[in-house]
Amino acid sequence: MKVYELILKNEKIESYKASLPLIIGLNSIAFLFLAFNYSITFKRTISLAAAILVIILLAAHFIQKNKKNYITYIAILSIIIAYSLLGLYFFGLGVAAIFILYEITTRKLLVTVSQNDIIYPSFPSRKIEWPQLANIVLKDGLLTIDFKNNKILQGEISGSTDEKEFNDFCRTQLTQ
């Protein structure tokens, strides 16, 4: 069974990746602010420890330049736990929500075209059946999915795919 996997370009991914350290840094400043404003020793200690830990993790993030930097995951988890220990559940949920959105926006956008269907990487992933389509074309690195109801999905792909072979495959699927 022939399957084509096309990766859509995500032009904004670098700005998304730059925003996570900023969010982590702002939370470390918030913990320092809380540490100096709490009168309860336990909460002051938790805030100060969280600020120091998050600053260390943020520095480690910039020192280590891996593609998948697990230090940021540890920092986010530390922030969420610290907010929970301080009783600031709303802030913890907010950081968790921002992190989930970050993960959604920075994922690999993989379009899978098979004989059965097309999986499009929207959120949540969209399964497109061949009878729904009027046409699907890959030309000059631009994937165009044309539905029978006059809706169109377009995306620029990264990498190289044999366009003639892909278009012939799609044309065959559309005529079946």
N, C-alpha and C. Protein backbone atom coordinates (compact mmCIF):
# COMPACT_ATOMS: atom_id res chain seq x y z
N MET A 1 0.85 -1.18 0.00
CA MET A 1 0.00 0.00 0.00
C MET A 1 0.89 1.24 0.00
N LYS A 2 0.69 2.11 -0.95
CA LYS A 2 1.48 3.31 -1.11
C LYS A 2 1.01 4.39 -0.13
N VAL A 3 1.97 4.98 0.57
CA VAL A 3 1.67 6.05 1.52
C VAL A 3 2.67 7.18 1.29
N TYR A 4 2.16 8.39 1.18
CA TYR A 4 3.00 9.58 1.06
C TYR A 4 2.90 10.36 2.35
N GLU A 5 4.05 10.78 2.86
CA GLU A 5 4.07 11.62 4.06
C GLU A 5 4.73 12.94 3.68
N LEU A 6 3.97 14.00 3.77
CA LEU A 6 4.44 15.34 3.43
C LEU A 6 4.46 16.19 4.69
N ILE A 7 5.55 16.90 4.92
CA ILE A 7 5.67 17.76 6.10
C ILE A 7 5.39 19.19 5.67
N LEU A 8 4.38 19.79 6.29
CA LEU A 8 4.05 21.18 6.00
C LEU A 8 5.02 22.11 6.71
N LYS A 9 5.38 23.20 6.06
CA LYS A 9 6.25 24.20 6.68
C LYS A 9 5.47 24.95 7.75
N ASN A 10 6.15 25.23 8.85
CA ASN A 10 5.58 26.03 9.92
C ASN A 10 6.49 27.25 10.07
N GLU A 11 6.12 28.34 9.43
CA GLU A 11 6.96 29.54 9.39
C GLU A 11 7.13 30.21 10.76
N LYS A 12 6.20 30.00 11.66
CA LYS A 12 6.23 30.69 12.94
C LYS A 12 6.85 29.87 14.06
N ILE A 13 7.38 28.68 13.75
CA ILE A 13 7.84 27.78 14.79
C ILE A 13 9.00 28.38 15.60
N GLU A 14 9.87 29.15 14.97
CA GLU A 14 11.00 29.73 15.70
C GLU A 14 10.52 30.77 16.71
N SER A 15 9.51 31.55 16.36
CA SER A 15 8.99 32.52 17.33
C SER A 15 8.26 31.81 18.46
N TYR A 16 7.60 30.69 18.16
CA TYR A 16 6.95 29.91 19.22
C TYR A 16 8.00 29.34 20.17
N LYS A 17 9.09 28.83 19.60
CA LYS A 17 10.14 28.25 20.44
C LYS A 17 10.84 29.31 21.28
N ALA A 18 10.92 30.53 20.79
CA ALA A 18 11.54 31.60 21.55
C ALA A 18 10.64 32.09 22.68
N SER A 19 9.35 31.84 22.57
CA SER A 19 8.42 32.32 23.60
C SER A 19 8.47 31.50 24.88
N LEU A 20 8.81 30.22 24.79
CA LEU A 20 8.80 29.37 25.99
C LEU A 20 9.84 29.82 27.02
N PRO A 21 11.10 30.07 26.65
CA PRO A 21 12.03 30.58 27.66
C PRO A 21 11.59 31.92 28.26
N LEU A 22 10.93 32.74 27.46
CA LEU A 22 10.40 34.01 27.98
C LEU A 22 9.35 33.75 29.06
N ILE A 23 8.47 32.81 28.80
CA ILE A 23 7.43 32.46 29.79
C ILE A 23 8.06 31.90 31.05
N ILE A 24 9.06 31.06 30.90
CA ILE A 24 9.75 30.49 32.05
C ILE A 24 10.45 31.60 32.85
N GLY A 25 11.10 32.52 32.14
CA GLY A 25 11.77 33.64 32.81
C GLY A 25 10.79 34.54 33.56
N LEU A 26 9.64 34.81 32.96
CA LEU A 26 8.64 35.65 33.64
C LEU A 26 8.10 34.96 34.90
N ASN A 27 7.97 33.64 34.85
CA ASN A 27 7.52 32.92 36.04
C ASN A 27 8.58 32.93 37.13
N SER A 28 9.86 32.89 36.76
CA SER A 28 10.90 32.98 37.79
C SER A 28 10.88 34.35 38.47
N ILE A 29 10.61 35.39 37.70
CA ILE A 29 10.47 36.74 38.28
C ILE A 29 9.25 36.78 39.20
N ALA A 30 8.17 36.13 38.79
CA ALA A 30 6.97 36.08 39.63
C ALA A 30 7.26 35.37 40.95
N PHE A 31 8.04 34.29 40.91
CA PHE A 31 8.39 33.58 42.14
C PHE A 31 9.26 34.44 43.05
N LEU A 32 10.18 35.21 42.47
CA LEU A 32 10.99 36.13 43.29
C LEU A 32 10.10 37.19 43.94
N PHE A 33 9.15 37.71 43.17
CA PHE A 33 8.21 38.69 43.72
C PHE A 33 7.41 38.08 44.88
N LEU A 34 6.93 36.86 44.68
CA LEU A 34 6.17 36.19 45.73
C LEU A 34 7.03 35.91 46.95
N ALA A 35 8.30 35.54 46.75
CA ALA A 35 9.20 35.24 47.87
C ALA A 35 9.40 36.46 48.76
N PHE A 36 9.47 37.63 48.16
CA PHE A 36 9.69 38.84 48.95
C PHE A 36 8.40 39.41 49.54
N ASN A 37 7.25 38.94 49.09
CA ASN A 37 5.98 39.47 49.58
C ASN A 37 5.23 38.55 50.52
N TYR A 38 5.61 37.27 50.59
CA TYR A 38 4.95 36.36 51.52
C TYR A 38 5.51 36.56 52.92
N SER A 39 4.62 36.54 53.90
CA SER A 39 5.06 36.62 55.29
C SER A 39 5.16 35.23 55.92
N ILE A 40 4.53 34.23 55.30
CA ILE A 40 4.57 32.87 55.81
C ILE A 40 5.88 32.23 55.34
N THR A 41 6.65 31.69 56.27
CA THR A 41 7.97 31.16 55.96
C THR A 41 7.92 30.03 54.94
N PHE A 42 6.95 29.12 55.05
CA PHE A 42 6.85 27.99 54.13
C PHE A 42 6.66 28.49 52.70
N LYS A 43 5.72 29.40 52.51
CA LYS A 43 5.45 29.91 51.16
C LYS A 43 6.63 30.72 50.63
N ARG A 44 7.29 31.46 51.51
CA ARG A 44 8.48 32.23 51.10
C ARG A 44 9.58 31.29 50.64
N THR A 45 9.78 30.21 51.37
CA THR A 45 10.82 29.24 51.03
C THR A 45 10.51 28.54 49.71
N ILE A 46 9.26 28.13 49.53
CA ILE A 46 8.86 27.48 48.28
C ILE A 46 9.06 28.44 47.11
N SER A 47 8.65 29.68 47.26
CA SER A 47 8.78 30.68 46.18
C SER A 47 10.24 30.91 45.82
N LEU A 48 11.08 31.06 46.83
CA LEU A 48 12.50 31.31 46.58
C LEU A 48 13.17 30.09 45.96
N ALA A 49 12.84 28.90 46.46
CA ALA A 49 13.41 27.67 45.89
C ALA A 49 12.96 27.49 44.44
N ALA A 50 11.70 27.77 44.17
CA ALA A 50 11.19 27.65 42.80
C ALA A 50 11.89 28.65 41.89
N ALA A 51 12.07 29.88 42.36
CA ALA A 51 12.73 30.90 41.55
C ALA A 51 14.16 30.48 41.22
N ILE A 52 14.88 30.00 42.22
CA ILE A 52 16.27 29.58 42.00
C ILE A 52 16.34 28.39 41.05
N LEU A 53 15.47 27.38 41.27
CA LEU A 53 15.45 26.20 40.41
C LEU A 53 15.11 26.56 38.97
N VAL A 54 14.12 27.40 38.79
CA VAL A 54 13.71 27.78 37.44
C VAL A 54 14.79 28.60 36.75
N ILE A 55 15.47 29.47 37.47
CA ILE A 55 16.57 30.25 36.87
C ILE A 55 17.71 29.34 36.46
N ILE A 56 18.04 28.35 37.29
CA ILE A 56 19.09 27.39 36.95
C ILE A 56 18.69 26.59 35.71
N LEU A 57 17.44 26.13 35.68
CA LEU A 57 16.97 25.37 34.52
C LEU A 57 16.94 26.23 33.26
N LEU A 58 16.59 27.49 33.41
CA LEU A 58 16.57 28.40 32.25
C LEU A 58 17.99 28.61 31.72
N ALA A 59 18.95 28.77 32.62
CA ALA A 59 20.35 28.90 32.20
C ALA A 59 20.82 27.62 31.51
N ALA A 60 20.43 26.47 32.04
CA ALA A 60 20.80 25.19 31.43
C ALA A 60 20.17 25.04 30.05
N HIS A 61 18.97 25.57 29.89
CA HIS A 61 18.29 25.53 28.59
C HIS A 61 19.12 26.26 27.54
N PHE A 62 19.67 27.41 27.89
CA PHE A 62 20.44 28.18 26.92
C PHE A 62 21.82 27.59 26.68
N ILE A 63 22.37 26.89 27.67
CA ILE A 63 23.67 26.26 27.51
C ILE A 63 23.55 25.02 26.62
N GLN A 64 22.52 24.21 26.86
CA GLN A 64 22.32 22.97 26.10
C GLN A 64 21.43 23.28 24.91
N LYS A 65 21.90 23.00 23.71
CA LYS A 65 21.14 23.33 22.49
C LYS A 65 20.71 22.07 21.76
N ASN A 66 19.95 21.19 22.40
CA ASN A 66 19.42 20.00 21.73
C ASN A 66 18.15 20.35 20.98
N LYS A 67 17.79 19.49 20.03
CA LYS A 67 16.54 19.70 19.32
C LYS A 67 15.35 19.55 20.26
N LYS A 68 15.35 18.50 21.07
CA LYS A 68 14.27 18.27 22.03
C LYS A 68 14.85 18.51 23.41
N ASN A 69 14.62 19.70 23.94
CA ASN A 69 15.24 20.11 25.18
C ASN A 69 14.33 19.78 26.36
N TYR A 70 14.64 18.69 27.04
CA TYR A 70 13.80 18.24 28.15
C TYR A 70 13.95 19.12 29.39
N ILE A 71 14.95 19.98 29.40
CA ILE A 71 15.12 20.90 30.53
C ILE A 71 13.92 21.84 30.62
N THR A 72 13.39 22.26 29.48
CA THR A 72 12.23 23.14 29.51
C THR A 72 11.01 22.42 30.08
N TYR A 73 10.89 21.11 29.79
CA TYR A 73 9.78 20.35 30.35
C TYR A 73 9.90 20.27 31.87
N ILE A 74 11.12 20.07 32.36
CA ILE A 74 11.34 20.01 33.81
C ILE A 74 11.04 21.37 34.43
N ALA A 75 11.43 22.45 33.75
CA ALA A 75 11.16 23.79 34.27
C ALA A 75 9.66 24.06 34.35
N ILE A 76 8.93 23.71 33.31
CA ILE A 76 7.47 23.92 33.30
C ILE A 76 6.81 23.09 34.41
N LEU A 77 7.23 21.84 34.54
CA LEU A 77 6.67 20.98 35.59
C LEU A 77 6.99 21.55 36.97
N SER A 78 8.20 22.07 37.15
CA SER A 78 8.57 22.69 38.43
C SER A 78 7.72 23.90 38.74
N ILE A 79 7.45 24.70 37.72
CA ILE A 79 6.60 25.89 37.90
C ILE A 79 5.20 25.48 38.32
N ILE A 80 4.65 24.47 37.64
CA ILE A 80 3.29 24.02 37.96
C ILE A 80 3.23 23.46 39.39
N ILE A 81 4.21 22.67 39.77
CA ILE A 81 4.25 22.10 41.13
C ILE A 81 4.39 23.21 42.17
N ALA A 82 5.26 24.18 41.89
CA ALA A 82 5.45 25.28 42.85
C ALA A 82 4.17 26.08 43.03
N TYR A 83 3.49 26.40 41.95
CA TYR A 83 2.23 27.12 42.08
C TYR A 83 1.20 26.29 42.86
N SER A 84 1.20 24.99 42.66
CA SER A 84 0.28 24.12 43.40
C SER A 84 0.61 24.13 44.89
N LEU A 85 1.89 24.06 45.22
CA LEU A 85 2.30 24.08 46.63
C LEU A 85 1.97 25.41 47.30
N LEU A 86 1.99 26.47 46.52
CA LEU A 86 1.65 27.79 47.05
C LEU A 86 0.15 28.04 47.09
N GLY A 87 -0.62 27.10 46.55
CA GLY A 87 -2.08 27.26 46.54
C GLY A 87 -2.56 28.15 45.42
N LEU A 88 -1.70 28.46 44.46
CA LEU A 88 -2.06 29.30 43.32
C LEU A 88 -2.37 28.41 42.12
N TYR A 89 -3.44 27.64 42.27
CA TYR A 89 -3.80 26.63 41.27
C TYR A 89 -4.13 27.25 39.92
N PHE A 90 -4.74 28.42 39.94
CA PHE A 90 -5.12 29.08 38.70
C PHE A 90 -3.89 29.39 37.84
N PHE A 91 -2.81 29.87 38.50
CA PHE A 91 -1.58 30.16 37.78
C PHE A 91 -0.94 28.88 37.25
N GLY A 92 -0.99 27.82 38.03
CA GLY A 92 -0.47 26.53 37.59
C GLY A 92 -1.22 26.01 36.37
N LEU A 93 -2.55 26.14 36.41
CA LEU A 93 -3.36 25.72 35.26
C LEU A 93 -3.08 26.60 34.04
N GLY A 94 -2.85 27.87 34.28
CA GLY A 94 -2.53 28.78 33.18
C GLY A 94 -1.21 28.41 32.50
N VAL A 95 -0.20 28.10 33.29
CA VAL A 95 1.09 27.68 32.74
C VAL A 95 0.92 26.35 32.00
N ALA A 96 0.15 25.43 32.56
CA ALA A 96 -0.09 24.14 31.90
C ALA A 96 -0.80 24.36 30.56
N ALA A 97 -1.78 25.25 30.52
CA ALA A 97 -2.52 25.52 29.28
C ALA A 97 -1.60 26.15 28.23
N ILE A 98 -0.76 27.07 28.64
CA ILE A 98 0.19 27.69 27.71
C ILE A 98 1.15 26.65 27.16
N PHE A 99 1.59 25.73 28.02
CA PHE A 99 2.52 24.70 27.58
C PHE A 99 1.85 23.73 26.61
N ILE A 100 0.61 23.40 26.87
CA ILE A 100 -0.12 22.52 25.94
C ILE A 100 -0.28 23.19 24.59
N LEU A 101 -0.61 24.47 24.58
CA LEU A 101 -0.71 25.22 23.32
C LEU A 101 0.64 25.28 22.61
N TYR A 102 1.71 25.43 23.38
CA TYR A 102 3.06 25.43 22.81
C TYR A 102 3.35 24.11 22.11
N GLU A 103 3.02 23.02 22.77
CA GLU A 103 3.26 21.69 22.18
C GLU A 103 2.44 21.49 20.90
N ILE A 104 1.23 21.98 20.90
CA ILE A 104 0.37 21.85 19.72
C ILE A 104 0.93 22.65 18.55
N THR A 105 1.40 23.86 18.82
CA THR A 105 1.86 24.73 17.74
C THR A 105 3.25 24.36 17.22
N THR A 106 4.04 23.64 18.00
CA THR A 106 5.39 23.30 17.56
C THR A 106 5.52 21.85 17.08
N ARG A 107 4.41 21.13 16.98
CA ARG A 107 4.50 19.74 16.52
C ARG A 107 4.80 19.69 15.03
N LYS A 108 5.26 18.53 14.58
CA LYS A 108 5.53 18.35 13.16
C LYS A 108 4.20 18.20 12.43
N LEU A 109 4.00 19.01 11.41
CA LEU A 109 2.75 19.01 10.64
C LEU A 109 2.88 18.02 9.49
N LEU A 110 2.44 16.80 9.73
CA LEU A 110 2.61 15.70 8.79
C LEU A 110 1.28 15.37 8.11
N VAL A 111 1.25 15.53 6.78
CA VAL A 111 0.09 15.14 5.99
C VAL A 111 0.37 13.74 5.46
N THR A 112 -0.52 12.80 5.77
CA THR A 112 -0.37 11.42 5.32
C THR A 112 -1.42 11.13 4.26
N VAL A 113 -0.94 10.79 3.07
CA VAL A 113 -1.83 10.49 1.95
C VAL A 113 -1.69 9.00 1.63
N SER A 114 -2.78 8.27 1.80
CA SER A 114 -2.76 6.83 1.53
C SER A 114 -3.91 6.48 0.58
N GLN A 115 -4.00 5.21 0.23
CA GLN A 115 -5.08 4.76 -0.65
C GLN A 115 -6.44 4.88 0.00
N ASN A 116 -6.49 4.80 1.31
CA ASN A 116 -7.76 4.85 2.04
C ASN A 116 -8.25 6.27 2.30
N ASP A 117 -7.33 7.15 2.72
CA ASP A 117 -7.73 8.49 3.14
C ASP A 117 -6.52 9.41 3.22
N ILE A 118 -6.80 10.63 3.65
CA ILE A 118 -5.76 11.63 3.88
C ILE A 118 -5.91 12.10 5.32
N ILE A 119 -4.81 12.10 6.06
CA ILE A 119 -4.81 12.62 7.42
C ILE A 119 -4.15 13.99 7.38
N TYR A 120 -4.92 15.02 7.70
CA TYR A 120 -4.42 16.40 7.67
C TYR A 120 -4.15 16.85 9.10
N PRO A 121 -3.01 17.49 9.37
CA PRO A 121 -2.60 17.79 10.74
C PRO A 121 -3.21 19.05 11.35
N SER A 122 -4.49 19.21 11.24
CA SER A 122 -5.13 20.31 11.96
C SER A 122 -5.22 19.87 13.43
N PHE A 123 -5.85 20.65 14.26
CA PHE A 123 -6.03 20.22 15.65
C PHE A 123 -7.51 20.16 15.96
N PRO A 124 -8.04 19.00 16.22
CA PRO A 124 -7.45 17.67 16.13
C PRO A 124 -7.26 17.26 14.67
N SER A 125 -6.47 16.21 14.47
CA SER A 125 -6.18 15.75 13.11
C SER A 125 -7.48 15.46 12.36
N ARG A 126 -7.46 15.79 11.09
CA ARG A 126 -8.66 15.65 10.26
C ARG A 126 -8.46 14.50 9.28
N LYS A 127 -9.41 13.59 9.27
CA LYS A 127 -9.38 12.47 8.34
C LYS A 127 -10.27 12.85 7.15
N ILE A 128 -9.66 12.86 5.96
CA ILE A 128 -10.37 13.24 4.75
C ILE A 128 -10.50 12.01 3.86
N GLU A 129 -11.72 11.69 3.52
CA GLU A 129 -11.98 10.55 2.63
C GLU A 129 -11.87 11.02 1.17
N TRP A 130 -11.43 10.15 0.29
CA TRP A 130 -11.27 10.49 -1.12
C TRP A 130 -12.56 10.96 -1.79
N PRO A 131 -13.73 10.38 -1.48
CA PRO A 131 -14.96 10.87 -2.13
C PRO A 131 -15.32 12.32 -1.80
N GLN A 132 -14.75 12.89 -0.74
CA GLN A 132 -15.01 14.28 -0.38
C GLN A 132 -14.26 15.26 -1.27
N LEU A 133 -13.27 14.77 -2.02
CA LEU A 133 -12.36 15.66 -2.74
C LEU A 133 -12.70 15.80 -4.21
N ALA A 134 -12.50 17.01 -4.71
CA ALA A 134 -12.60 17.27 -6.14
C ALA A 134 -11.21 17.11 -6.77
N ASN A 135 -10.17 17.51 -6.03
CA ASN A 135 -8.81 17.44 -6.55
C ASN A 135 -7.80 17.58 -5.41
N ILE A 136 -6.62 17.04 -5.64
CA ILE A 136 -5.48 17.24 -4.75
C ILE A 136 -4.25 17.29 -5.63
N VAL A 137 -3.46 18.37 -5.46
CA VAL A 137 -2.32 18.62 -6.34
C VAL A 137 -1.13 19.09 -5.52
N LEU A 138 0.04 18.60 -5.91
CA LEU A 138 1.30 19.10 -5.35
C LEU A 138 2.07 19.73 -6.50
N LYS A 139 2.26 21.05 -6.45
CA LYS A 139 2.97 21.74 -7.52
C LYS A 139 3.89 22.80 -6.92
N ASP A 140 5.15 22.73 -7.30
CA ASP A 140 6.17 23.68 -6.84
C ASP A 140 6.21 23.78 -5.31
N GLY A 141 6.06 22.66 -4.65
CA GLY A 141 6.15 22.62 -3.19
C GLY A 141 4.90 23.11 -2.48
N LEU A 142 3.82 23.32 -3.20
CA LEU A 142 2.56 23.78 -2.61
C LEU A 142 1.51 22.68 -2.75
N LEU A 143 1.02 22.18 -1.62
CA LEU A 143 -0.01 21.16 -1.60
C LEU A 143 -1.37 21.84 -1.56
N THR A 144 -2.23 21.49 -2.50
CA THR A 144 -3.58 22.05 -2.56
C THR A 144 -4.58 20.90 -2.50
N ILE A 145 -5.46 20.97 -1.50
CA ILE A 145 -6.53 19.98 -1.34
C ILE A 145 -7.84 20.71 -1.60
N ASP A 146 -8.52 20.32 -2.67
CA ASP A 146 -9.75 20.98 -3.11
C ASP A 146 -10.93 20.04 -2.84
N PHE A 147 -11.85 20.50 -2.00
CA PHE A 147 -13.02 19.70 -1.64
C PHE A 147 -14.15 19.94 -2.64
N LYS A 148 -15.07 19.01 -2.69
CA LYS A 148 -16.24 19.14 -3.57
C LYS A 148 -17.16 20.27 -3.12
N ASN A 149 -17.10 20.65 -1.84
CA ASN A 149 -17.95 21.74 -1.34
C ASN A 149 -17.26 23.10 -1.47
N ASN A 150 -16.25 23.17 -2.35
CA ASN A 150 -15.52 24.40 -2.69
C ASN A 150 -14.62 24.93 -1.58
N LYS A 151 -14.33 24.15 -0.57
CA LYS A 151 -13.33 24.54 0.43
C LYS A 151 -11.97 24.08 -0.06
N ILE A 152 -10.94 24.84 0.31
CA ILE A 152 -9.58 24.52 -0.12
C ILE A 152 -8.65 24.57 1.08
N LEU A 153 -7.77 23.59 1.18
CA LEU A 153 -6.67 23.60 2.14
C LEU A 153 -5.38 23.71 1.35
N GLN A 154 -4.50 24.62 1.74
CA GLN A 154 -3.23 24.76 1.06
C GLN A 154 -2.12 24.85 2.09
N GLY A 155 -0.97 24.32 1.74
CA GLY A 155 0.18 24.41 2.61
C GLY A 155 1.45 24.15 1.84
N GLU A 156 2.47 24.90 2.19
CA GLU A 156 3.78 24.71 1.57
C GLU A 156 4.47 23.56 2.29
N ILE A 157 5.06 22.66 1.52
CA ILE A 157 5.71 21.51 2.13
C ILE A 157 7.22 21.74 2.18
N SER A 158 7.85 21.10 3.16
CA SER A 158 9.30 21.12 3.23
C SER A 158 9.80 19.75 2.78
N GLY A 159 10.99 19.72 2.23
CA GLY A 159 11.50 18.47 1.71
C GLY A 159 11.10 18.30 0.26
N SER A 160 11.51 17.19 -0.29
CA SER A 160 11.21 16.97 -1.71
C SER A 160 10.41 15.68 -1.87
N THR A 161 9.45 15.75 -2.75
CA THR A 161 8.63 14.60 -3.12
C THR A 161 8.49 14.63 -4.64
N ASP A 162 8.48 13.47 -5.24
CA ASP A 162 8.29 13.39 -6.69
C ASP A 162 6.85 13.84 -7.00
N GLU A 163 6.73 15.07 -7.48
CA GLU A 163 5.41 15.67 -7.69
C GLU A 163 4.59 14.91 -8.73
N LYS A 164 5.23 14.48 -9.82
CA LYS A 164 4.50 13.77 -10.87
C LYS A 164 3.95 12.46 -10.34
N GLU A 165 4.78 11.71 -9.62
CA GLU A 165 4.34 10.43 -9.06
C GLU A 165 3.21 10.65 -8.05
N PHE A 166 3.36 11.66 -7.19
CA PHE A 166 2.33 11.97 -6.19
C PHE A 166 1.01 12.36 -6.86
N ASN A 167 1.08 13.25 -7.84
CA ASN A 167 -0.13 13.71 -8.53
C ASN A 167 -0.80 12.58 -9.30
N ASP A 168 0.00 11.70 -9.91
CA ASP A 168 -0.58 10.54 -10.61
C ASP A 168 -1.29 9.62 -9.61
N PHE A 169 -0.66 9.41 -8.44
CA PHE A 169 -1.29 8.59 -7.40
C PHE A 169 -2.62 9.19 -6.96
N CYS A 170 -2.64 10.48 -6.72
CA CYS A 170 -3.86 11.16 -6.27
C CYS A 170 -4.94 11.13 -7.35
N ARG A 171 -4.55 11.34 -8.59
CA ARG A 171 -5.51 11.30 -9.69
C ARG A 171 -6.14 9.91 -9.78
N THR A 172 -5.34 8.87 -9.58
CA THR A 172 -5.86 7.49 -9.60
C THR A 172 -6.86 7.28 -8.47
N GLN A 173 -6.55 7.80 -7.28
CA GLN A 173 -7.45 7.64 -6.13
C GLN A 173 -8.75 8.40 -6.33
N LEU A 174 -8.67 9.54 -6.97
CA LEU A 174 -9.89 10.36 -7.18
C LEU A 174 -10.82 9.73 -8.21
N THR A 175 -10.28 8.97 -9.15
CA THR A 175 -11.12 8.37 -10.19
C THR A 175 -11.72 7.03 -9.77
N GLN A 176 -11.28 6.48 -8.67
CA GLN A 176 -11.81 5.19 -8.21
C GLN A 176 -13.14 5.34 -7.52
